[in-house]
Amino acid sequence: MATTNDLKNGMVLNLDGQLWQVIWFQHHKPGKGGAVVRTKLKNVESGKTVDKTFNADVKVDVANVDKRTMQYLYNDGTSYVFMDTGTYDQIEVGPEIVGDAKNFMLENQEAIVATNDGRVLYIELPASVELEITYTEPGLQGDRSTGGTKPATLETGHTINVPLFITTGERVKVDTRDSSYLGRVSS
């Protein structure tokens, strides 16, 4: 148990039997009345985001979430297999839990696997990853670093938009949160 004054970004709360992750919070003291804590919470299972206001110093149940760095091994067609690098235990994670992270995962890459009472909640990747472009249309003469974009297929099979000067075979940095191009990776 903790109070609303102890909230931090990333903390997972157990509210009415559902797990909610704190995305944002703000302590607010209006002119009259007691202080409140405004929060933006994301449901860990459904991904739904809600705004919720708590009175200050109210007790909230903090969920025990175990975050471990694990290595992604392979996809067996029905689930994604991860291995704990310390104990070599393997776990299978369903595609509905992996979600959009599959667009940026390569075999043998590390990811953070969050569990609660033995149940996998979500997969957390680094904010950005470096991937190779396996196919993109050739650029045209006169293409500049500013201007338009074109679709490019990454080595994971996911398609993102890149600047016109990027060619097949180049490595690029990609934001895992919104699939945006961040820049070239120099070798």
C-alpha atoms as a PDB file:
ATOM      1  CA  MET A   1       0.000   0.000   0.000  1.00  0.00           C
ATOM      2  CA  ALA A   2       1.108   3.517  -0.798  1.00  0.00           C
ATOM      3  CA  THR A   3      -0.549   6.919  -0.789  1.00  0.00           C
ATOM      4  CA  THR A   4      -1.337   9.066  -3.810  1.00  0.00           C
ATOM      5  CA  ASN A   5       1.506  11.372  -2.719  1.00  0.00           C
ATOM      6  CA  ASP A   6       3.971   8.524  -3.469  1.00  0.00           C
ATOM      7  CA  LEU A   7       2.903   8.070  -7.119  1.00  0.00           C
ATOM      8  CA  LYS A   8       5.629   7.943  -9.769  1.00  0.00           C
ATOM      9  CA  ASN A   9       5.570   7.511 -13.548  1.00  0.00           C
ATOM     10  CA  GLY A  10       5.657   3.828 -14.498  1.00  0.00           C
ATOM     11  CA  MET A  11       4.209   2.647 -11.168  1.00  0.00           C
ATOM     12  CA  VAL A  12       1.493  -0.016 -11.549  1.00  0.00           C
ATOM     13  CA  LEU A  13      -1.621   0.272  -9.371  1.00  0.00           C
ATOM     14  CA  ASN A  14      -4.249  -2.361  -8.615  1.00  0.00           C
ATOM     15  CA  LEU A  15      -7.590  -0.524  -8.775  1.00  0.00           C
ATOM     16  CA  ASP A  16     -10.773  -2.616  -8.463  1.00  0.00           C
ATOM     17  CA  GLY A  17      -8.936  -5.772  -9.561  1.00  0.00           C
ATOM     18  CA  GLN A  18      -7.468  -4.207 -12.708  1.00  0.00           C
ATOM     19  CA  LEU A  19      -3.856  -3.175 -13.234  1.00  0.00           C
ATOM     20  CA  TRP A  20      -3.228   0.444 -14.273  1.00  0.00           C
ATOM     21  CA  GLN A  21       0.150   2.006 -15.073  1.00  0.00           C
ATOM     22  CA  VAL A  22       0.750   5.654 -14.113  1.00  0.00           C
ATOM     23  CA  ILE A  23       1.716   7.542 -17.290  1.00  0.00           C
ATOM     24  CA  TRP A  24       1.516  11.047 -15.850  1.00  0.00           C
ATOM     25  CA  PHE A  25       0.620  12.625 -12.499  1.00  0.00           C
ATOM     26  CA  GLN A  26       0.372  16.098 -11.020  1.00  0.00           C
ATOM     27  CA  HIS A  27      -0.213  17.322  -7.475  1.00  0.00           C
ATOM     28  CA  HIS A  28      -2.753  20.148  -7.537  1.00  0.00           C
ATOM     29  CA  LYS A  29      -3.793  22.497  -4.731  1.00  0.00           C
ATOM     30  CA  PRO A  30      -6.876  24.483  -5.708  1.00  0.00           C
ATOM     31  CA  GLY A  31      -7.683  27.799  -4.042  1.00  0.00           C
ATOM     32  CA  LYS A  32     -10.172  26.236  -1.670  1.00  0.00           C
ATOM     33  CA  GLY A  33     -10.604  22.622  -0.679  1.00  0.00           C
ATOM     34  CA  GLY A  34      -8.061  19.866  -0.233  1.00  0.00           C
ATOM     35  CA  ALA A  35      -5.172  18.996  -2.457  1.00  0.00           C
ATOM     36  CA  VAL A  36      -5.735  16.438  -5.223  1.00  0.00           C
ATOM     37  CA  VAL A  37      -3.542  14.308  -7.451  1.00  0.00           C
ATOM     38  CA  ARG A  38      -4.483  14.245 -11.133  1.00  0.00           C
ATOM     39  CA  THR A  39      -3.303  11.186 -13.047  1.00  0.00           C
ATOM     40  CA  LYS A  40      -3.367   9.666 -16.502  1.00  0.00           C
ATOM     41  CA  LEU A  41      -3.579   5.888 -16.168  1.00  0.00           C
ATOM     42  CA  LYS A  42      -3.156   3.187 -18.820  1.00  0.00           C
ATOM     43  CA  ASN A  43      -4.818  -0.203 -18.414  1.00  0.00           C
ATOM     44  CA  VAL A  44      -1.994  -2.748 -18.624  1.00  0.00           C
ATOM     45  CA  GLU A  45      -4.125  -5.408 -20.336  1.00  0.00           C
ATOM     46  CA  SER A  46      -6.378  -3.440 -22.701  1.00  0.00           C
ATOM     47  CA  GLY A  47      -4.154  -0.399 -23.320  1.00  0.00           C
ATOM     48  CA  LYS A  48      -7.076   1.965 -22.611  1.00  0.00           C
ATOM     49  CA  THR A  49      -6.049   5.341 -21.139  1.00  0.00           C
ATOM     50  CA  VAL A  50      -8.150   7.246 -18.599  1.00  0.00           C
ATOM     51  CA  ASP A  51      -7.794  10.416 -16.527  1.00  0.00           C
ATOM     52  CA  LYS A  52      -8.446   9.911 -12.809  1.00  0.00           C
ATOM     53  CA  THR A  53      -8.291  12.341  -9.914  1.00  0.00           C
ATOM     54  CA  PHE A  54      -7.507  11.172  -6.380  1.00  0.00           C
ATOM     55  CA  ASN A  55      -7.678  13.113  -3.115  1.00  0.00           C
ATOM     56  CA  ALA A  56      -4.203  13.649  -1.645  1.00  0.00           C
ATOM     57  CA  ASP A  57      -3.041  11.083   0.946  1.00  0.00           C
ATOM     58  CA  VAL A  58      -5.548   8.418  -0.169  1.00  0.00           C
ATOM     59  CA  LYS A  59      -4.193   4.875   0.079  1.00  0.00           C
ATOM     60  CA  VAL A  60      -3.808   3.010  -3.231  1.00  0.00           C
ATOM     61  CA  ASP A  61      -2.822  -0.619  -3.788  1.00  0.00           C
ATOM     62  CA  VAL A  62       0.496  -0.887  -5.654  1.00  0.00           C
ATOM     63  CA  ALA A  63       0.800  -4.037  -7.780  1.00  0.00           C
ATOM     64  CA  ASN A  64       3.977  -6.092  -7.479  1.00  0.00           C
ATOM     65  CA  VAL A  65       5.384  -6.009 -11.018  1.00  0.00           C
ATOM     66  CA  ASP A  66       8.583  -7.932 -11.696  1.00  0.00           C
ATOM     67  CA  LYS A  67      10.529  -6.484 -14.649  1.00  0.00           C
ATOM     68  CA  ARG A  68      13.270  -8.728 -16.010  1.00  0.00           C
ATOM     69  CA  THR A  69      15.594  -8.330 -18.943  1.00  0.00           C
ATOM     70  CA  MET A  70      15.050 -11.321 -21.189  1.00  0.00           C
ATOM     71  CA  GLN A  71      16.330 -12.395 -24.584  1.00  0.00           C
ATOM     72  CA  TYR A  72      13.857 -12.891 -27.437  1.00  0.00           C
ATOM     73  CA  LEU A  73      14.630 -16.288 -28.969  1.00  0.00           C
ATOM     74  CA  TYR A  74      12.058 -17.008 -31.691  1.00  0.00           C
ATOM     75  CA  ASN A  75       8.418 -17.032 -32.768  1.00  0.00           C
ATOM     76  CA  ASP A  76       7.064 -20.585 -32.998  1.00  0.00           C
ATOM     77  CA  GLY A  77       4.006 -19.511 -35.000  1.00  0.00           C
ATOM     78  CA  THR A  78       1.621 -19.225 -32.047  1.00  0.00           C
ATOM     79  CA  SER A  79       3.705 -17.436 -29.417  1.00  0.00           C
ATOM     80  CA  TYR A  80       6.955 -15.567 -28.842  1.00  0.00           C
ATOM     81  CA  VAL A  81       9.592 -17.356 -26.765  1.00  0.00           C
ATOM     82  CA  PHE A  82      11.761 -15.364 -24.323  1.00  0.00           C
ATOM     83  CA  MET A  83      14.618 -16.633 -22.149  1.00  0.00           C
ATOM     84  CA  ASP A  84      15.679 -15.281 -18.771  1.00  0.00           C
ATOM     85  CA  THR A  85      19.415 -14.602 -19.251  1.00  0.00           C
ATOM     86  CA  GLY A  86      20.155 -15.354 -15.580  1.00  0.00           C
ATOM     87  CA  THR A  87      18.269 -18.616 -15.016  1.00  0.00           C
ATOM     88  CA  TYR A  88      17.871 -19.759 -18.659  1.00  0.00           C
ATOM     89  CA  ASP A  89      14.149 -20.340 -18.002  1.00  0.00           C
ATOM     90  CA  GLN A  90      12.031 -19.910 -21.116  1.00  0.00           C
ATOM     91  CA  ILE A  91       8.542 -18.412 -21.246  1.00  0.00           C
ATOM     92  CA  GLU A  92       6.044 -18.222 -24.074  1.00  0.00           C
ATOM     93  CA  VAL A  93       4.238 -14.919 -24.607  1.00  0.00           C
ATOM     94  CA  GLY A  94       1.104 -14.615 -26.743  1.00  0.00           C
ATOM     95  CA  PRO A  95       0.983 -12.211 -29.710  1.00  0.00           C
ATOM     96  CA  GLU A  96      -1.780 -10.148 -28.041  1.00  0.00           C
ATOM     97  CA  ILE A  97       0.613  -9.285 -25.173  1.00  0.00           C
ATOM     98  CA  VAL A  98       3.629  -8.638 -27.422  1.00  0.00           C
ATOM     99  CA  GLY A  99       1.499  -6.269 -29.557  1.00  0.00           C
ATOM    100  CA  ASP A 100       3.370  -3.700 -31.670  1.00  0.00           C
ATOM    101  CA  ALA A 101       6.719  -4.661 -30.108  1.00  0.00           C
ATOM    102  CA  LYS A 102       6.872  -7.498 -32.683  1.00  0.00           C
ATOM    103  CA  ASN A 103       7.534  -4.863 -35.371  1.00  0.00           C
ATOM    104  CA  PHE A 104      10.936  -4.099 -33.816  1.00  0.00           C
ATOM    105  CA  MET A 105      12.103  -7.420 -32.298  1.00  0.00           C
ATOM    106  CA  LEU A 106      14.903  -9.462 -33.839  1.00  0.00           C
ATOM    107  CA  GLU A 107      16.002 -12.872 -32.596  1.00  0.00           C
ATOM    108  CA  ASN A 108      18.535 -12.692 -29.722  1.00  0.00           C
ATOM    109  CA  GLN A 109      17.539  -9.080 -28.928  1.00  0.00           C
ATOM    110  CA  GLU A 110      16.951  -8.144 -25.302  1.00  0.00           C
ATOM    111  CA  ALA A 111      13.631  -6.811 -24.010  1.00  0.00           C
ATOM    112  CA  ILE A 112      12.106  -6.155 -20.605  1.00  0.00           C
ATOM    113  CA  VAL A 113       9.327  -8.592 -19.719  1.00  0.00           C
ATOM    114  CA  ALA A 114       6.978  -7.389 -16.954  1.00  0.00           C
ATOM    115  CA  THR A 115       5.144 -10.045 -14.932  1.00  0.00           C
ATOM    116  CA  ASN A 116       2.662 -10.012 -12.057  1.00  0.00           C
ATOM    117  CA  ASP A 117       2.075 -13.235 -10.074  1.00  0.00           C
ATOM    118  CA  GLY A 118       3.593 -15.299 -12.899  1.00  0.00           C
ATOM    119  CA  ARG A 119       1.395 -13.684 -15.579  1.00  0.00           C
ATOM    120  CA  VAL A 120       3.125 -11.702 -18.336  1.00  0.00           C
ATOM    121  CA  LEU A 121       1.694  -8.165 -18.513  1.00  0.00           C
ATOM    122  CA  TYR A 122       3.655  -6.481 -21.308  1.00  0.00           C
ATOM    123  CA  ILE A 123       6.909  -6.339 -23.258  1.00  0.00           C
ATOM    124  CA  GLU A 124       9.004  -3.173 -23.026  1.00  0.00           C
ATOM    125  CA  LEU A 125      11.580  -2.379 -25.696  1.00  0.00           C
ATOM    126  CA  PRO A 126      14.227   0.351 -25.644  1.00  0.00           C
ATOM    127  CA  ALA A 127      12.958   3.758 -26.870  1.00  0.00           C
ATOM    128  CA  SER A 128      14.814   3.236 -30.145  1.00  0.00           C
ATOM    129  CA  VAL A 129      16.311   0.321 -32.076  1.00  0.00           C
ATOM    130  CA  GLU A 130      18.670   0.032 -35.031  1.00  0.00           C
ATOM    131  CA  LEU A 131      17.324  -1.999 -37.960  1.00  0.00           C
ATOM    132  CA  GLU A 132      18.313  -2.598 -41.571  1.00  0.00           C
ATOM    133  CA  ILE A 133      16.206  -1.462 -44.528  1.00  0.00           C
ATOM    134  CA  THR A 134      15.511  -4.583 -46.640  1.00  0.00           C
ATOM    135  CA  TYR A 135      13.582  -2.791 -49.393  1.00  0.00           C
ATOM    136  CA  THR A 136      12.752   0.752 -50.433  1.00  0.00           C
ATOM    137  CA  GLU A 137      12.223   2.413 -53.808  1.00  0.00           C
ATOM    138  CA  PRO A 138      15.365   4.077 -55.189  1.00  0.00           C
ATOM    139  CA  GLY A 139      15.663   7.801 -54.609  1.00  0.00           C
ATOM    140  CA  LEU A 140      15.375  10.257 -57.471  1.00  0.00           C
ATOM    141  CA  GLN A 141      17.948  12.796 -58.632  1.00  0.00           C
ATOM    142  CA  GLY A 142      17.451  16.047 -56.754  1.00  0.00           C
ATOM    143  CA  ASP A 143      16.273  14.384 -53.545  1.00  0.00           C
ATOM    144  CA  ARG A 144      17.300  16.469 -50.567  1.00  0.00           C
ATOM    145  CA  SER A 145      17.560  15.797 -46.867  1.00  0.00           C
ATOM    146  CA  THR A 146      14.447  17.872 -46.331  1.00  0.00           C
ATOM    147  CA  GLY A 147      11.203  17.229 -48.088  1.00  0.00           C
ATOM    148  CA  GLY A 148       9.196  14.114 -48.765  1.00  0.00           C
ATOM    149  CA  THR A 149       9.253  10.607 -47.412  1.00  0.00           C
ATOM    150  CA  LYS A 150       8.817   7.140 -48.901  1.00  0.00           C
ATOM    151  CA  PRO A 151       7.860   3.754 -47.418  1.00  0.00           C
ATOM    152  CA  ALA A 152      10.691   1.383 -46.450  1.00  0.00           C
ATOM    153  CA  THR A 153      10.502  -2.209 -45.222  1.00  0.00           C
ATOM    154  CA  LEU A 154      12.601  -3.095 -42.166  1.00  0.00           C
ATOM    155  CA  GLU A 155      14.298  -6.461 -41.596  1.00  0.00           C
ATOM    156  CA  THR A 156      11.428  -7.371 -39.237  1.00  0.00           C
ATOM    157  CA  GLY A 157       8.909  -6.923 -42.083  1.00  0.00           C
ATOM    158  CA  HIS A 158       7.441  -3.715 -40.629  1.00  0.00           C
ATOM    159  CA  THR A 159       7.071  -0.694 -42.951  1.00  0.00           C
ATOM    160  CA  ILE A 160       7.971   2.857 -41.887  1.00  0.00           C
ATOM    161  CA  ASN A 161       8.354   6.194 -43.696  1.00  0.00           C
ATOM    162  CA  VAL A 162      11.921   7.352 -44.338  1.00  0.00           C
ATOM    163  CA  PRO A 163      13.434  10.373 -46.154  1.00  0.00           C
ATOM    164  CA  LEU A 164      13.901  10.057 -49.920  1.00  0.00           C
ATOM    165  CA  PHE A 165      17.719   9.712 -49.699  1.00  0.00           C
ATOM    166  CA  ILE A 166      17.643   6.415 -47.725  1.00  0.00           C
ATOM    167  CA  THR A 167      18.552   3.315 -49.781  1.00  0.00           C
ATOM    168  CA  THR A 168      18.099  -0.449 -49.404  1.00  0.00           C
ATOM    169  CA  GLY A 169      20.706  -2.017 -47.105  1.00  0.00           C
ATOM    170  CA  GLU A 170      21.224   1.030 -44.862  1.00  0.00           C
ATOM    171  CA  ARG A 171      20.793   0.773 -41.081  1.00  0.00           C
ATOM    172  CA  VAL A 172      18.430   3.286 -39.501  1.00  0.00           C
ATOM    173  CA  LYS A 173      17.365   4.206 -35.978  1.00  0.00           C
ATOM    174  CA  VAL A 174      13.610   3.784 -35.364  1.00  0.00           C
ATOM    175  CA  ASP A 175      11.474   5.021 -32.448  1.00  0.00           C
ATOM    176  CA  THR A 176       9.686   1.956 -31.004  1.00  0.00           C
ATOM    177  CA  ARG A 177       6.850   4.034 -29.527  1.00  0.00           C
ATOM    178  CA  ASP A 178       5.490   5.553 -32.772  1.00  0.00           C
ATOM    179  CA  SER A 179       7.421   3.830 -35.633  1.00  0.00           C
ATOM    180  CA  SER A 180       9.093   7.072 -36.649  1.00  0.00           C
ATOM    181  CA  TYR A 181      12.447   7.366 -38.416  1.00  0.00           C
ATOM    182  CA  LEU A 182      15.108   8.928 -36.153  1.00  0.00           C
ATOM    183  CA  GLY A 183      18.184   8.893 -38.388  1.00  0.00           C
ATOM    184  CA  ARG A 184      20.860   6.913 -40.173  1.00  0.00           C
ATOM    185  CA  VAL A 185      23.263   4.690 -38.274  1.00  0.00           C
ATOM    186  CA  SER A 186      26.848   5.222 -39.397  1.00  0.00           C
ATOM    187  CA  SER A 187      28.873   2.027 -39.558  1.00  0.00           C
END
